[in-house]
Amino acid sequence: ASNYTSEIKSEVSQKDTRPKLVGFLANDDPYAEKYAQ
């Protein structure tokens, strides 16, 4: 993941505003919650 993270970070740093992502957790699955975190 390290190379992809660096690439994304570089692209985001060149934007005027940072992209906002919203995640929806609507279940009681502990694995889904772990993944969300």
Full PDB file with SEQRES, HELIX, SHEET, SSBOND, CRYST1, ORIGX, SCALE, CONECT and MASTER records, all heavy atoms in Angstrom:
SEQRES   1 A   37  ALA SER ASN TYR THR SER GLU ILE LYS SER GLU VAL SER          
SEQRES   2 A   37  GLN LYS ASP THR ARG PRO LYS LEU VAL GLY PHE LEU ALA          
SEQRES   3 A   37  ASN ASP ASP PRO TYR ALA GLU LYS TYR ALA GLN                  
HELIX    1 AA1 SER A    2  SER A   13  1                                  12    
HELIX    2 AA2 PRO A   30  ALA A   36  1                                   7    
CRYST1    1.000    1.000    1.000  90.00  90.00  90.00 P 1           1          
ORIGX1      1.000000  0.000000  0.000000        0.00000                         
ORIGX2      0.000000  1.000000  0.000000        0.00000                         
ORIGX3      0.000000  0.000000  1.000000        0.00000                         
SCALE1      1.000000  0.000000  0.000000        0.00000                         
SCALE2      0.000000  1.000000  0.000000        0.00000                         
SCALE3      0.000000  0.000000  1.000000        0.00000                         
ATOM      1  N   ALA A   1       0.800  -1.225   0.000  1.00  0.00           N  
ATOM      2  CA  ALA A   1       0.000   0.000   0.000  1.00  0.00           C  
ATOM      3  C   ALA A   1       0.831   1.273   0.000  1.00  0.00           C  
ATOM      4  O   ALA A   1       0.351   2.331  -0.428  1.00  0.00           O  
ATOM      5  CB  ALA A   1      -0.932   0.012   1.215  1.00  0.00           C  
ATOM      6  N   SER A   2       2.071   1.203   0.467  1.00  0.00           N  
ATOM      7  CA  SER A   2       2.856   2.418   0.692  1.00  0.00           C  
ATOM      8  C   SER A   2       2.995   3.284  -0.557  1.00  0.00           C  
ATOM      9  O   SER A   2       2.848   4.516  -0.489  1.00  0.00           O  
ATOM     10  CB  SER A   2       4.233   2.069   1.238  1.00  0.00           C  
ATOM     11  OG  SER A   2       4.928   1.216   0.336  1.00  0.00           O  
ATOM     12  N   ASN A   3       3.256   2.659  -1.701  1.00  0.00           N  
ATOM     13  CA  ASN A   3       3.415   3.441  -2.934  1.00  0.00           C  
ATOM     14  C   ASN A   3       2.125   4.134  -3.332  1.00  0.00           C  
ATOM     15  O   ASN A   3       2.130   5.288  -3.774  1.00  0.00           O  
ATOM     16  CB  ASN A   3       3.897   2.543  -4.072  1.00  0.00           C  
ATOM     17  CG  ASN A   3       5.339   2.121  -3.907  1.00  0.00           C  
ATOM     18  OD1 ASN A   3       6.104   2.780  -3.205  1.00  0.00           O  
ATOM     19  ND2 ASN A   3       5.714   1.005  -4.519  1.00  0.00           N  
ATOM     20  N   TYR A   4       1.004   3.417  -3.177  1.00  0.00           N  
ATOM     21  CA  TYR A   4      -0.287   4.003  -3.557  1.00  0.00           C  
ATOM     22  C   TYR A   4      -0.659   5.135  -2.600  1.00  0.00           C  
ATOM     23  O   TYR A   4      -1.192   6.165  -3.027  1.00  0.00           O  
ATOM     24  CB  TYR A   4      -1.372   2.924  -3.563  1.00  0.00           C  
ATOM     25  CG  TYR A   4      -1.100   1.824  -4.548  1.00  0.00           C  
ATOM     26  CD1 TYR A   4      -0.775   0.538  -4.116  1.00  0.00           C  
ATOM     27  CD2 TYR A   4      -1.149   2.055  -5.919  1.00  0.00           C  
ATOM     28  CE1 TYR A   4      -0.512  -0.481  -5.018  1.00  0.00           C  
ATOM     29  CE2 TYR A   4      -0.881   1.042  -6.825  1.00  0.00           C  
ATOM     30  CZ  TYR A   4      -0.570  -0.227  -6.378  1.00  0.00           C  
ATOM     31  OH  TYR A   4      -0.302  -1.229  -7.271  1.00  0.00           O  
ATOM     32  N   THR A   5      -0.370   4.944  -1.322  1.00  0.00           N  
ATOM     33  CA  THR A   5      -0.676   5.987  -0.339  1.00  0.00           C  
ATOM     34  C   THR A   5       0.112   7.257  -0.644  1.00  0.00           C  
ATOM     35  O   THR A   5      -0.434   8.367  -0.604  1.00  0.00           O  
ATOM     36  CB  THR A   5      -0.350   5.500   1.086  1.00  0.00           C  
ATOM     37  OG1 THR A   5      -1.115   4.318   1.370  1.00  0.00           O  
ATOM     38  CG2 THR A   5      -0.695   6.558   2.117  1.00  0.00           C  
ATOM     39  N   SER A   6       1.373   7.099  -0.975  1.00  0.00           N  
ATOM     40  CA  SER A   6       2.205   8.258  -1.304  1.00  0.00           C  
ATOM     41  C   SER A   6       1.699   8.970  -2.552  1.00  0.00           C  
ATOM     42  O   SER A   6       1.674  10.203  -2.613  1.00  0.00           O  
ATOM     43  CB  SER A   6       3.657   7.809  -1.514  1.00  0.00           C  
ATOM     44  OG  SER A   6       4.184   7.233  -0.340  1.00  0.00           O  
ATOM     45  N   GLU A   7       1.281   8.192  -3.538  1.00  0.00           N  
ATOM     46  CA  GLU A   7       0.770   8.769  -4.787  1.00  0.00           C  
ATOM     47  C   GLU A   7      -0.504   9.569  -4.537  1.00  0.00           C  
ATOM     48  O   GLU A   7      -0.666  10.696  -5.035  1.00  0.00           O  
ATOM     49  CB  GLU A   7       0.506   7.651  -5.794  1.00  0.00           C  
ATOM     50  CG  GLU A   7       0.020   8.126  -7.147  1.00  0.00           C  
ATOM     51  CD  GLU A   7      -0.233   6.974  -8.108  1.00  0.00           C  
ATOM     52  OE1 GLU A   7       0.287   5.864  -7.865  1.00  0.00           O  
ATOM     53  OE2 GLU A   7      -0.955   7.186  -9.098  1.00  0.00           O  
ATOM     54  N   ILE A   8      -1.423   8.998  -3.749  1.00  0.00           N  
ATOM     55  CA  ILE A   8      -2.682   9.678  -3.442  1.00  0.00           C  
ATOM     56  C   ILE A   8      -2.410  10.946  -2.635  1.00  0.00           C  
ATOM     57  O   ILE A   8      -2.982  12.010  -2.899  1.00  0.00           O  
ATOM     58  CB  ILE A   8      -3.637   8.740  -2.671  1.00  0.00           C  
ATOM     59  CG1 ILE A   8      -4.065   7.580  -3.564  1.00  0.00           C  
ATOM     60  CG2 ILE A   8      -4.863   9.511  -2.169  1.00  0.00           C  
ATOM     61  CD1 ILE A   8      -4.786   6.476  -2.824  1.00  0.00           C  
ATOM     62  N   LYS A   9      -1.531  10.815  -1.659  1.00  0.00           N  
ATOM     63  CA  LYS A   9      -1.204  11.959  -0.807  1.00  0.00           C  
ATOM     64  C   LYS A   9      -0.637  13.106  -1.634  1.00  0.00           C  
ATOM     65  O   LYS A   9      -0.965  14.284  -1.411  1.00  0.00           O  
ATOM     66  CB  LYS A   9      -0.205  11.530   0.270  1.00  0.00           C  
ATOM     67  CG  LYS A   9      -0.061  12.509   1.421  1.00  0.00           C  
ATOM     68  CD  LYS A   9       0.747  11.898   2.548  1.00  0.00           C  
ATOM     69  CE  LYS A   9       0.804  12.827   3.752  1.00  0.00           C  
ATOM     70  NZ  LYS A   9       1.527  12.206   4.892  1.00  0.00           N  
ATOM     71  N   SER A  10       0.191  12.778  -2.613  1.00  0.00           N  
ATOM     72  CA  SER A  10       0.769  13.797  -3.475  1.00  0.00           C  
ATOM     73  C   SER A  10      -0.302  14.491  -4.302  1.00  0.00           C  
ATOM     74  O   SER A  10      -0.310  15.726  -4.442  1.00  0.00           O  
ATOM     75  CB  SER A  10       1.815  13.165  -4.389  1.00  0.00           C  
ATOM     76  OG  SER A  10       2.326  14.112  -5.303  1.00  0.00           O  
ATOM     77  N   GLU A  11      -1.217  13.712  -4.857  1.00  0.00           N  
ATOM     78  CA  GLU A  11      -2.284  14.292  -5.678  1.00  0.00           C  
ATOM     79  C   GLU A  11      -3.217  15.166  -4.853  1.00  0.00           C  
ATOM     80  O   GLU A  11      -3.619  16.244  -5.274  1.00  0.00           O  
ATOM     81  CB  GLU A  11      -3.074  13.182  -6.368  1.00  0.00           C  
ATOM     82  CG  GLU A  11      -2.304  12.465  -7.463  1.00  0.00           C  
ATOM     83  CD  GLU A  11      -3.161  11.490  -8.229  1.00  0.00           C  
ATOM     84  OE1 GLU A  11      -4.406  11.545  -8.084  1.00  0.00           O  
ATOM     85  OE2 GLU A  11      -2.607  10.661  -8.968  1.00  0.00           O  
ATOM     86  N   VAL A  12      -3.555  14.696  -3.654  1.00  0.00           N  
ATOM     87  CA  VAL A  12      -4.462  15.450  -2.776  1.00  0.00           C  
ATOM     88  C   VAL A  12      -3.824  16.779  -2.363  1.00  0.00           C  
ATOM     89  O   VAL A  12      -4.497  17.813  -2.290  1.00  0.00           O  
ATOM     90  CB  VAL A  12      -4.821  14.625  -1.520  1.00  0.00           C  
ATOM     91  CG1 VAL A  12      -5.539  15.487  -0.486  1.00  0.00           C  
ATOM     92  CG2 VAL A  12      -5.703  13.436  -1.912  1.00  0.00           C  
ATOM     93  N   SER A  13      -2.512  16.768  -2.127  1.00  0.00           N  
ATOM     94  CA  SER A  13      -1.821  17.983  -1.673  1.00  0.00           C  
ATOM     95  C   SER A  13      -1.842  19.087  -2.723  1.00  0.00           C  
ATOM     96  O   SER A  13      -1.658  20.266  -2.405  1.00  0.00           O  
ATOM     97  CB  SER A  13      -0.377  17.659  -1.295  1.00  0.00           C  
ATOM     98  OG  SER A  13       0.378  17.308  -2.443  1.00  0.00           O  
ATOM     99  N   GLN A  14      -2.085  18.717  -3.973  1.00  0.00           N  
ATOM    100  CA  GLN A  14      -2.097  19.702  -5.050  1.00  0.00           C  
ATOM    101  C   GLN A  14      -3.487  20.294  -5.296  1.00  0.00           C  
ATOM    102  O   GLN A  14      -3.639  21.191  -6.123  1.00  0.00           O  
ATOM    103  CB  GLN A  14      -1.581  19.060  -6.340  1.00  0.00           C  
ATOM    104  CG  GLN A  14      -0.139  18.576  -6.242  1.00  0.00           C  
ATOM    105  CD  GLN A  14       0.303  17.793  -7.465  1.00  0.00           C  
ATOM    106  OE1 GLN A  14      -0.060  18.142  -8.587  1.00  0.00           O  
ATOM    107  NE2 GLN A  14       1.077  16.740  -7.256  1.00  0.00           N  
ATOM    108  N   LYS A  15      -4.474  19.803  -4.573  1.00  0.00           N  
ATOM    109  CA  LYS A  15      -5.836  20.306  -4.732  1.00  0.00           C  
ATOM    110  C   LYS A  15      -6.090  21.484  -3.809  1.00  0.00           C  
ATOM    111  O   LYS A  15      -5.499  21.595  -2.733  1.00  0.00           O  
ATOM    112  CB  LYS A  15      -6.853  19.183  -4.456  1.00  0.00           C  
ATOM    113  CG  LYS A  15      -6.803  18.040  -5.467  1.00  0.00           C  
ATOM    114  CD  LYS A  15      -7.860  17.004  -5.169  1.00  0.00           C  
ATOM    115  CE  LYS A  15      -7.860  15.892  -6.212  1.00  0.00           C  
ATOM    116  NZ  LYS A  15      -8.258  16.392  -7.542  1.00  0.00           N  
ATOM    117  N   ASP A  16      -7.002  22.365  -4.248  1.00  0.00           N  
ATOM    118  CA  ASP A  16      -7.345  23.531  -3.432  1.00  0.00           C  
ATOM    119  C   ASP A  16      -8.084  23.121  -2.163  1.00  0.00           C  
ATOM    120  O   ASP A  16      -7.902  23.735  -1.104  1.00  0.00           O  
ATOM    121  CB  ASP A  16      -8.200  24.508  -4.252  1.00  0.00           C  
ATOM    122  CG  ASP A  16      -7.424  25.108  -5.420  1.00  0.00           C  
ATOM    123  OD1 ASP A  16      -6.188  25.217  -5.302  1.00  0.00           O  
ATOM    124  OD2 ASP A  16      -8.046  25.430  -6.444  1.00  0.00           O  
ATOM    125  N   THR A  17      -8.945  22.125  -2.266  1.00  0.00           N  
ATOM    126  CA  THR A  17      -9.669  21.611  -1.096  1.00  0.00           C  
ATOM    127  C   THR A  17      -9.493  20.098  -1.025  1.00  0.00           C  
ATOM    128  O   THR A  17      -9.418  19.431  -2.063  1.00  0.00           O  
ATOM    129  CB  THR A  17     -11.177  21.935  -1.171  1.00  0.00           C  
ATOM    130  OG1 THR A  17     -11.715  21.376  -2.384  1.00  0.00           O  
ATOM    131  CG2 THR A  17     -11.399  23.446  -1.154  1.00  0.00           C  
ATOM    132  N   ARG A  18      -9.418  19.592   0.179  1.00  0.00           N  
ATOM    133  CA  ARG A  18      -9.236  18.156   0.331  1.00  0.00           C  
ATOM    134  C   ARG A  18     -10.554  17.422   0.063  1.00  0.00           C  
ATOM    135  O   ARG A  18     -11.613  17.828   0.567  1.00  0.00           O  
ATOM    136  CB  ARG A  18      -8.757  17.835   1.748  1.00  0.00           C  
ATOM    137  CG  ARG A  18      -7.351  18.340   2.025  1.00  0.00           C  
ATOM    138  CD  ARG A  18      -6.704  17.585   3.164  1.00  0.00           C  
ATOM    139  NE  ARG A  18      -7.435  17.696   4.416  1.00  0.00           N  
ATOM    140  CZ  ARG A  18      -7.049  17.120   5.550  1.00  0.00           C  
ATOM    141  NH1 ARG A  18      -5.958  16.370   5.571  1.00  0.00           N  
ATOM    142  NH2 ARG A  18      -7.745  17.283   6.651  1.00  0.00           N  
ATOM    143  N   PRO A  19     -10.518  16.340  -0.709  1.00  0.00           N  
ATOM    144  CA  PRO A  19     -11.725  15.552  -0.941  1.00  0.00           C  
ATOM    145  C   PRO A  19     -12.271  15.005   0.375  1.00  0.00           C  
ATOM    146  O   PRO A  19     -11.499  14.601   1.250  1.00  0.00           O  
ATOM    147  CB  PRO A  19     -11.256  14.421  -1.858  1.00  0.00           C  
ATOM    148  CG  PRO A  19     -10.018  14.950  -2.505  1.00  0.00           C  
ATOM    149  CD  PRO A  19      -9.368  15.824  -1.480  1.00  0.00           C  
ATOM    150  N   LYS A  20     -13.593  15.004   0.484  1.00  0.00           N  
ATOM    151  CA  LYS A  20     -14.243  14.492   1.690  1.00  0.00           C  
ATOM    152  C   LYS A  20     -14.975  13.194   1.372  1.00  0.00           C  
ATOM    153  O   LYS A  20     -15.835  13.164   0.492  1.00  0.00           O  
ATOM    154  CB  LYS A  20     -15.221  15.524   2.242  1.00  0.00           C  
ATOM    155  CG  LYS A  20     -16.010  15.050   3.464  1.00  0.00           C  
ATOM    156  CD  LYS A  20     -16.990  16.116   3.928  1.00  0.00           C  
ATOM    157  CE  LYS A  20     -17.833  15.646   5.090  1.00  0.00           C  
ATOM    158  NZ  LYS A  20     -18.794  16.695   5.535  1.00  0.00           N  
ATOM    159  N   LEU A  21     -14.618  12.156   2.089  1.00  0.00           N  
ATOM    160  CA  LEU A  21     -15.300  10.873   1.955  1.00  0.00           C  
ATOM    161  C   LEU A  21     -16.175  10.639   3.175  1.00  0.00           C  
ATOM    162  O   LEU A  21     -15.777  10.954   4.304  1.00  0.00           O  
ATOM    163  CB  LEU A  21     -14.294   9.731   1.836  1.00  0.00           C  
ATOM    164  CG  LEU A  21     -13.808   9.368   0.432  1.00  0.00           C  
ATOM    165  CD1 LEU A  21     -13.049  10.528  -0.185  1.00  0.00           C  
ATOM    166  CD2 LEU A  21     -12.937   8.117   0.465  1.00  0.00           C  
ATOM    167  N   VAL A  22     -17.353  10.101   2.931  1.00  0.00           N  
ATOM    168  CA  VAL A  22     -18.280   9.770   4.017  1.00  0.00           C  
ATOM    169  C   VAL A  22     -18.533   8.267   3.991  1.00  0.00           C  
ATOM    170  O   VAL A  22     -18.866   7.702   2.944  1.00  0.00           O  
ATOM    171  CB  VAL A  22     -19.617  10.531   3.869  1.00  0.00           C  
ATOM    172  CG1 VAL A  22     -20.612  10.042   4.925  1.00  0.00           C  
ATOM    173  CG2 VAL A  22     -19.382  12.023   4.007  1.00  0.00           C  
ATOM    174  N   GLY A  23     -18.319   7.623   5.133  1.00  0.00           N  
ATOM    175  CA  GLY A  23     -18.595   6.201   5.250  1.00  0.00           C  
ATOM    176  C   GLY A  23     -19.817   5.961   6.115  1.00  0.00           C  
ATOM    177  O   GLY A  23     -19.998   6.617   7.148  1.00  0.00           O  
ATOM    178  N   PHE A  24     -20.663   5.031   5.683  1.00  0.00           N  
ATOM    179  CA  PHE A  24     -21.890   4.713   6.433  1.00  0.00           C  
ATOM    180  C   PHE A  24     -21.783   3.309   7.021  1.00  0.00           C  
ATOM    181  O   PHE A  24     -21.606   2.333   6.302  1.00  0.00           O  
ATOM    182  CB  PHE A  24     -23.115   4.803   5.521  1.00  0.00           C  
ATOM    183  CG  PHE A  24     -23.455   6.206   5.104  1.00  0.00           C  
ATOM    184  CD1 PHE A  24     -23.063   6.687   3.860  1.00  0.00           C  
ATOM    185  CD2 PHE A  24     -24.153   7.053   5.960  1.00  0.00           C  
ATOM    186  CE1 PHE A  24     -23.366   7.983   3.478  1.00  0.00           C  
ATOM    187  CE2 PHE A  24     -24.464   8.341   5.591  1.00  0.00           C  
ATOM    188  CZ  PHE A  24     -24.063   8.817   4.336  1.00  0.00           C  
ATOM    189  N   LEU A  25     -21.885   3.242   8.346  1.00  0.00           N  
ATOM    190  CA  LEU A  25     -21.903   1.969   9.050  1.00  0.00           C  
ATOM    191  C   LEU A  25     -23.303   1.789   9.625  1.00  0.00           C  
ATOM    192  O   LEU A  25     -23.710   2.500  10.538  1.00  0.00           O  
ATOM    193  CB  LEU A  25     -20.859   1.963  10.167  1.00  0.00           C  
ATOM    194  CG  LEU A  25     -20.708   0.671  10.978  1.00  0.00           C  
ATOM    195  CD1 LEU A  25     -20.321  -0.501  10.070  1.00  0.00           C  
ATOM    196  CD2 LEU A  25     -19.681   0.840  12.086  1.00  0.00           C  
ATOM    197  N   ALA A  26     -24.034   0.829   9.044  1.00  0.00           N  
ATOM    198  CA  ALA A  26     -25.442   0.660   9.422  1.00  0.00           C  
ATOM    199  C   ALA A  26     -25.733  -0.795   9.767  1.00  0.00           C  
ATOM    200  O   ALA A  26     -26.797  -1.332   9.441  1.00  0.00           O  
ATOM    201  CB  ALA A  26     -26.348   1.132   8.286  1.00  0.00           C  
ATOM    202  N   ASN A  27     -24.782  -1.445  10.419  1.00  0.00           N  
ATOM    203  CA  ASN A  27     -25.014  -2.813  10.870  1.00  0.00           C  
ATOM    204  C   ASN A  27     -24.276  -3.043  12.189  1.00  0.00           C  
ATOM    205  O   ASN A  27     -23.533  -2.170  12.649  1.00  0.00           O  
ATOM    206  CB  ASN A  27     -24.573  -3.830   9.812  1.00  0.00           C  
ATOM    207  CG  ASN A  27     -23.090  -3.721   9.487  1.00  0.00           C  
ATOM    208  OD1 ASN A  27     -22.247  -3.617  10.372  1.00  0.00           O  
ATOM    209  ND2 ASN A  27     -22.761  -3.752   8.203  1.00  0.00           N  
ATOM    210  N   ASP A  28     -24.486  -4.209  12.772  1.00  0.00           N  
ATOM    211  CA  ASP A  28     -23.855  -4.531  14.053  1.00  0.00           C  
ATOM    212  C   ASP A  28     -22.710  -5.523  13.884  1.00  0.00           C  
ATOM    213  O   ASP A  28     -22.277  -6.161  14.849  1.00  0.00           O  
ATOM    214  CB  ASP A  28     -24.900  -5.129  15.016  1.00  0.00           C  
ATOM    215  CG  ASP A  28     -25.999  -4.139  15.356  1.00  0.00           C  
ATOM    216  OD1 ASP A  28     -25.675  -2.946  15.485  1.00  0.00           O  
ATOM    217  OD2 ASP A  28     -27.171  -4.563  15.468  1.00  0.00           O  
ATOM    218  N   ASP A  29     -22.215  -5.666  12.654  1.00  0.00           N  
ATOM    219  CA  ASP A  29     -21.141  -6.607  12.373  1.00  0.00           C  
ATOM    220  C   ASP A  29     -19.832  -6.071  12.962  1.00  0.00           C  
ATOM    221  O   ASP A  29     -19.332  -5.021  12.545  1.00  0.00           O  
ATOM    222  CB  ASP A  29     -21.009  -6.770  10.855  1.00  0.00           C  
ATOM    223  CG  ASP A  29     -19.961  -7.817  10.468  1.00  0.00           C  
ATOM    224  OD1 ASP A  29     -19.145  -8.181  11.324  1.00  0.00           O  
ATOM    225  OD2 ASP A  29     -19.986  -8.255   9.306  1.00  0.00           O  
ATOM    226  N   PRO A  30     -19.243  -6.770  13.928  1.00  0.00           N  
ATOM    227  CA  PRO A  30     -18.007  -6.265  14.546  1.00  0.00           C  
ATOM    228  C   PRO A  30     -16.854  -6.163  13.546  1.00  0.00           C  
ATOM    229  O   PRO A  30     -15.978  -5.306  13.684  1.00  0.00           O  
ATOM    230  CB  PRO A  30     -17.706  -7.292  15.642  1.00  0.00           C  
ATOM    231  CG  PRO A  30     -18.452  -8.523  15.235  1.00  0.00           C  
ATOM    232  CD  PRO A  30     -19.669  -8.049  14.523  1.00  0.00           C  
ATOM    233  N   TYR A  31     -16.853  -7.033  12.523  1.00  0.00           N  
ATOM    234  CA  TYR A  31     -15.788  -6.970  11.522  1.00  0.00           C  
ATOM    235  C   TYR A  31     -15.950  -5.742  10.634  1.00  0.00           C  
ATOM    236  O   TYR A  31     -14.958  -5.127  10.221  1.00  0.00           O  
ATOM    237  CB  TYR A  31     -15.782  -8.250  10.680  1.00  0.00           C  
ATOM    238  CG  TYR A  31     -15.482  -9.493  11.487  1.00  0.00           C  
ATOM    239  CD1 TYR A  31     -16.390 -10.544  11.552  1.00  0.00           C  
ATOM    240  CD2 TYR A  31     -14.288  -9.606  12.206  1.00  0.00           C  
ATOM    241  CE1 TYR A  31     -16.116 -11.682  12.302  1.00  0.00           C  
ATOM    242  CE2 TYR A  31     -14.011 -10.738  12.962  1.00  0.00           C  
ATOM    243  CZ  TYR A  31     -14.921 -11.765  13.003  1.00  0.00           C  
ATOM    244  OH  TYR A  31     -14.655 -12.894  13.757  1.00  0.00           O  
ATOM    245  N   ALA A  32     -17.189  -5.384  10.335  1.00  0.00           N  
ATOM    246  CA  ALA A  32     -17.437  -4.177   9.548  1.00  0.00           C  
ATOM    247  C   ALA A  32     -16.996  -2.942  10.327  1.00  0.00           C  
ATOM    248  O   ALA A  32     -16.415  -2.006   9.769  1.00  0.00           O  
ATOM    249  CB  ALA A  32     -18.915  -4.073   9.172  1.00  0.00           C  
ATOM    250  N   GLU A  33     -17.267  -2.955  11.626  1.00  0.00           N  
ATOM    251  CA  GLU A  33     -16.856  -1.827  12.460  1.00  0.00           C  
ATOM    252  C   GLU A  33     -15.328  -1.731  12.532  1.00  0.00           C  
ATOM    253  O   GLU A  33     -14.751  -0.631  12.458  1.00  0.00           O  
ATOM    254  CB  GLU A  33     -17.436  -1.970  13.867  1.00  0.00           C  
ATOM    255  CG  GLU A  33     -17.148  -0.763  14.759  1.00  0.00           C  
ATOM    256  CD  GLU A  33     -17.926  -0.799  16.065  1.00  0.00           C  
ATOM    257  OE1 GLU A  33     -18.720  -1.729  16.268  1.00  0.00           O  
ATOM    258  OE2 GLU A  33     -17.728   0.125  16.878  1.00  0.00           O  
ATOM    259  N   LYS A  34     -14.680  -2.882  12.634  1.00  0.00           N  
ATOM    260  CA  LYS A  34     -13.213  -2.907  12.655  1.00  0.00           C  
ATOM    261  C   LYS A  34     -12.655  -2.371  11.345  1.00  0.00           C  
ATOM    262  O   LYS A  34     -11.700  -1.581  11.332  1.00  0.00           O  
ATOM    263  CB  LYS A  34     -12.735  -4.347  12.888  1.00  0.00           C  
ATOM    264  CG  LYS A  34     -11.229  -4.500  12.926  1.00  0.00           C  
ATOM    265  CD  LYS A  34     -10.853  -5.964  13.142  1.00  0.00           C  
ATOM    266  CE  LYS A  34      -9.340  -6.146  13.113  1.00  0.00           C  
ATOM    267  NZ  LYS A  34      -8.965  -7.583  13.271  1.00  0.00           N  
ATOM    268  N   TYR A  35     -13.269  -2.772  10.236  1.00  0.00           N  
ATOM    269  CA  TYR A  35     -12.837  -2.297   8.921  1.00  0.00           C  
ATOM    270  C   TYR A  35     -13.062  -0.797   8.780  1.00  0.00           C  
ATOM    271  O   TYR A  35     -12.224  -0.073   8.224  1.00  0.00           O  
ATOM    272  CB  TYR A  35     -13.584  -3.065   7.824  1.00  0.00           C  
ATOM    273  CG  TYR A  35     -13.266  -2.626   6.420  1.00  0.00           C  
ATOM    274  CD1 TYR A  35     -11.954  -2.423   6.008  1.00  0.00           C  
ATOM    275  CD2 TYR A  35     -14.284  -2.431   5.490  1.00  0.00           C  
ATOM    276  CE1 TYR A  35     -11.661  -2.035   4.713  1.00  0.00           C  
ATOM    277  CE2 TYR A  35     -14.000  -2.028   4.199  1.00  0.00           C  
ATOM    278  CZ  TYR A  35     -12.686  -1.836   3.818  1.00  0.00           C  
ATOM    279  OH  TYR A  35     -12.405  -1.441   2.534  1.00  0.00           O  
ATOM    280  N   ALA A  36     -14.190  -0.322   9.308  1.00  0.00           N  
ATOM    281  CA  ALA A  36     -14.496   1.116   9.256  1.00  0.00           C  
ATOM    282  C   ALA A  36     -13.435   1.921  10.001  1.00  0.00           C  
ATOM    283  O   ALA A  36     -12.972   2.967   9.537  1.00  0.00           O  
ATOM    284  CB  ALA A  36     -15.877   1.379   9.837  1.00  0.00           C  
ATOM    285  N   GLN A  37     -13.048   1.424  11.151  1.00  0.00           N  
ATOM    286  CA  GLN A  37     -12.037   2.125  11.952  1.00  0.00           C  
ATOM    287  C   GLN A  37     -10.682   2.137  11.257  1.00  0.00           C  
ATOM    288  O   GLN A  37      -9.981   3.162  11.237  1.00  0.00           O  
ATOM    289  CB  GLN A  37     -11.934   1.476  13.332  1.00  0.00           C  
ATOM    290  CG  GLN A  37     -13.178   1.662  14.192  1.00  0.00           C  
ATOM    291  CD  GLN A  37     -13.170   0.789  15.434  1.00  0.00           C  
ATOM    292  OE1 GLN A  37     -12.328  -0.100  15.587  1.00  0.00           O  
ATOM    293  NE2 GLN A  37     -14.113   1.027  16.342  1.00  0.00           N  
TER     294      GLN A  37                                                      
MASTER        0    0    0    2    0    0    0    6  293    1    0    3          
END                                                                             
